[in-house]
Amino acid sequence: MDENRRRRHAWAFWTAIILIVVFVIYPLSLGPLAWLGKAVGDPPWFEKAMYPLVLPLRLVPTPVRDAILWWIVIWRGPFD
């Protein structure tokens, strides 16, 4: 019984870690990545590399997307 309880706690712990990464760290990383892209001169390969990271923004509600885009503009500056 003790072993089952430990397994449940481990499963809950790793689930919480994954949710934190997906819903907190991932969106916060987009700002510094956008800054890096501008710092290297916005090469075409960088835009292609960023596309899979930005693609999920189409699936989130508009207020969340606007908040993430605001965060990106804070880091990068206005888009040309």
C-alpha atoms as a PDB file:
ATOM      1  CA  MET A   1       0.000   0.000   0.000  1.00  0.00           C
ATOM      2  CA  ASP A   2       2.871   2.332   0.752  1.00  0.00           C
ATOM      3  CA  GLU A   3       4.340   1.652  -2.688  1.00  0.00           C
ATOM      4  CA  ASN A   4       1.080   2.581  -4.429  1.00  0.00           C
ATOM      5  CA  ARG A   5       0.864   5.819  -2.498  1.00  0.00           C
ATOM      6  CA  ARG A   6       4.436   6.707  -3.477  1.00  0.00           C
ATOM      7  CA  ARG A   7       3.697   6.007  -7.135  1.00  0.00           C
ATOM      8  CA  ARG A   8       0.594   8.216  -7.023  1.00  0.00           C
ATOM      9  CA  HIS A   9       2.566  11.049  -5.455  1.00  0.00           C
ATOM     10  CA  ALA A  10       5.331  10.711  -8.036  1.00  0.00           C
ATOM     11  CA  TRP A  11       2.793  10.735 -10.853  1.00  0.00           C
ATOM     12  CA  ALA A  12       1.107  13.848  -9.412  1.00  0.00           C
ATOM     13  CA  PHE A  13       4.466  15.567  -8.977  1.00  0.00           C
ATOM     14  CA  TRP A  14       5.577  15.002 -12.572  1.00  0.00           C
ATOM     15  CA  THR A  15       2.163  15.993 -13.888  1.00  0.00           C
ATOM     16  CA  ALA A  16       2.433  19.284 -11.985  1.00  0.00           C
ATOM     17  CA  ILE A  17       5.941  19.894 -13.358  1.00  0.00           C
ATOM     18  CA  ILE A  18       4.775  19.305 -16.924  1.00  0.00           C
ATOM     19  CA  LEU A  19       1.803  21.645 -16.479  1.00  0.00           C
ATOM     20  CA  ILE A  20       4.046  24.368 -15.059  1.00  0.00           C
ATOM     21  CA  VAL A  21       6.431  24.058 -18.000  1.00  0.00           C
ATOM     22  CA  VAL A  22       3.658  24.082 -20.588  1.00  0.00           C
ATOM     23  CA  PHE A  23       1.549  26.889 -19.136  1.00  0.00           C
ATOM     24  CA  VAL A  24       4.178  29.140 -17.513  1.00  0.00           C
ATOM     25  CA  ILE A  25       7.728  28.619 -18.725  1.00  0.00           C
ATOM     26  CA  TYR A  26       6.891  28.040 -22.404  1.00  0.00           C
ATOM     27  CA  PRO A  27       4.966  31.320 -22.878  1.00  0.00           C
ATOM     28  CA  LEU A  28       7.547  33.280 -20.881  1.00  0.00           C
ATOM     29  CA  SER A  29      10.354  31.964 -23.096  1.00  0.00           C
ATOM     30  CA  LEU A  30       8.818  33.420 -26.257  1.00  0.00           C
ATOM     31  CA  GLY A  31       9.787  36.994 -25.288  1.00  0.00           C
ATOM     32  CA  PRO A  32      13.514  36.320 -24.900  1.00  0.00           C
ATOM     33  CA  LEU A  33      13.481  34.224 -28.078  1.00  0.00           C
ATOM     34  CA  ALA A  34      11.917  37.121 -29.995  1.00  0.00           C
ATOM     35  CA  TRP A  35      14.587  39.440 -28.592  1.00  0.00           C
ATOM     36  CA  LEU A  36      17.280  37.003 -29.713  1.00  0.00           C
ATOM     37  CA  GLY A  37      15.801  36.934 -33.207  1.00  0.00           C
ATOM     38  CA  LYS A  38      15.932  40.706 -33.431  1.00  0.00           C
ATOM     39  CA  ALA A  39      19.472  40.751 -32.006  1.00  0.00           C
ATOM     40  CA  VAL A  40      20.733  38.456 -34.767  1.00  0.00           C
ATOM     41  CA  GLY A  41      19.019  40.518 -37.464  1.00  0.00           C
ATOM     42  CA  ASP A  42      15.821  38.515 -38.047  1.00  0.00           C
ATOM     43  CA  PRO A  43      17.327  35.984 -40.461  1.00  0.00           C
ATOM     44  CA  PRO A  44      14.823  33.873 -42.450  1.00  0.00           C
ATOM     45  CA  TRP A  45      15.965  30.632 -40.767  1.00  0.00           C
ATOM     46  CA  PHE A  46      15.100  32.085 -37.353  1.00  0.00           C
ATOM     47  CA  GLU A  47      11.518  32.753 -38.394  1.00  0.00           C
ATOM     48  CA  LYS A  48      11.223  29.170 -39.640  1.00  0.00           C
ATOM     49  CA  ALA A  49      12.666  27.888 -36.357  1.00  0.00           C
ATOM     50  CA  MET A  50      10.218  29.997 -34.319  1.00  0.00           C
ATOM     51  CA  TYR A  51       7.148  28.937 -36.309  1.00  0.00           C
ATOM     52  CA  PRO A  52       6.486  25.680 -34.392  1.00  0.00           C
ATOM     53  CA  LEU A  53       6.846  27.574 -31.118  1.00  0.00           C
ATOM     54  CA  VAL A  54       4.397  30.317 -32.093  1.00  0.00           C
ATOM     55  CA  LEU A  55       1.910  28.027 -33.848  1.00  0.00           C
ATOM     56  CA  PRO A  56       0.080  27.027 -30.618  1.00  0.00           C
ATOM     57  CA  LEU A  57      -0.883  30.688 -30.147  1.00  0.00           C
ATOM     58  CA  ARG A  58      -3.644  30.092 -32.696  1.00  0.00           C
ATOM     59  CA  LEU A  59      -5.297  27.648 -30.314  1.00  0.00           C
ATOM     60  CA  VAL A  60      -5.430  29.768 -27.161  1.00  0.00           C
ATOM     61  CA  PRO A  61      -8.209  32.244 -26.314  1.00  0.00           C
ATOM     62  CA  THR A  62      -7.749  35.784 -27.604  1.00  0.00           C
ATOM     63  CA  PRO A  63      -6.985  37.391 -24.196  1.00  0.00           C
ATOM     64  CA  VAL A  64      -4.238  34.845 -23.560  1.00  0.00           C
ATOM     65  CA  ARG A  65      -2.821  35.321 -27.049  1.00  0.00           C
ATOM     66  CA  ASP A  66      -2.875  39.106 -26.617  1.00  0.00           C
ATOM     67  CA  ALA A  67      -1.043  38.805 -23.304  1.00  0.00           C
ATOM     68  CA  ILE A  68       1.647  36.591 -24.844  1.00  0.00           C
ATOM     69  CA  LEU A  69       2.035  38.918 -27.835  1.00  0.00           C
ATOM     70  CA  TRP A  70       2.307  41.856 -25.415  1.00  0.00           C
ATOM     71  CA  TRP A  71       5.095  39.970 -23.622  1.00  0.00           C
ATOM     72  CA  ILE A  72       6.883  39.377 -26.928  1.00  0.00           C
ATOM     73  CA  VAL A  73       6.656  43.078 -27.871  1.00  0.00           C
ATOM     74  CA  ILE A  74       8.039  44.060 -24.445  1.00  0.00           C
ATOM     75  CA  TRP A  75      11.140  41.987 -25.183  1.00  0.00           C
ATOM     76  CA  ARG A  76      11.485  42.541 -28.912  1.00  0.00           C
ATOM     77  CA  GLY A  77      10.029  45.969 -29.453  1.00  0.00           C
ATOM     78  CA  PRO A  78       7.369  46.793 -32.025  1.00  0.00           C
ATOM     79  CA  PHE A  79       7.234  44.671 -35.155  1.00  0.00           C
ATOM     80  CA  ASP A  80       8.276  46.474 -38.328  1.00  0.00           C
END
